[in-house]
Every structure is written in structure tokens, then in C-alpha cells.
């Protein structure tokens, strides 16, 4: 007689993966945000983060909804960008 063990799915939070981001991606995301803020100082809406291509370092600010990413893209949450803006 065979017994099977069912394992509960592992739930992960987006914050669990913040430390895995390449520092150059975070710098690029910060640069994208800074450029946006300098060009549009009248807009004060805070983005959720930046969807950025891991190879070209081109990205776009995400303001609403969960981003749908291409395979070569990753999401840098605003908390990661913001953490070094004021230091």
C-alpha cells in the first residue's frame, strides 16, 4: 500500500524577493523614476514600481494594477527604489 503526502503550496510574498534583485537593476529603476519626476514635477502620483528589462535596462513606471511582465523583465517595487533615494 502506497501513501502519498500532500504538501501545502508555499505562499511567498513579493517582499521575499526584494533582496534578489541585481543592484544595477535597482539603480536603473531609480534613474527611470528620477527622470520621470524631473520631467513631470507637477504629477505627484506614487508609482507601484518599475517594470524593467534585465538585458537592456529599459523600463516603465507602473502606477496601477499588478504588472504583466515579459520573460526578460522583472519588477522593482517602489519600496526598493525609495529606500536609497533619501540617503
Foldseek 3Di string as FASTA:
>chain_A
DDDDDDDDDDDDDPVVCQVVDDVVLLVLQLVVVVVVCVVCVVDDQDFQWWWAFPPPSDIDTHRDDDDDHDPRIDTNGVCSNVVPPVD
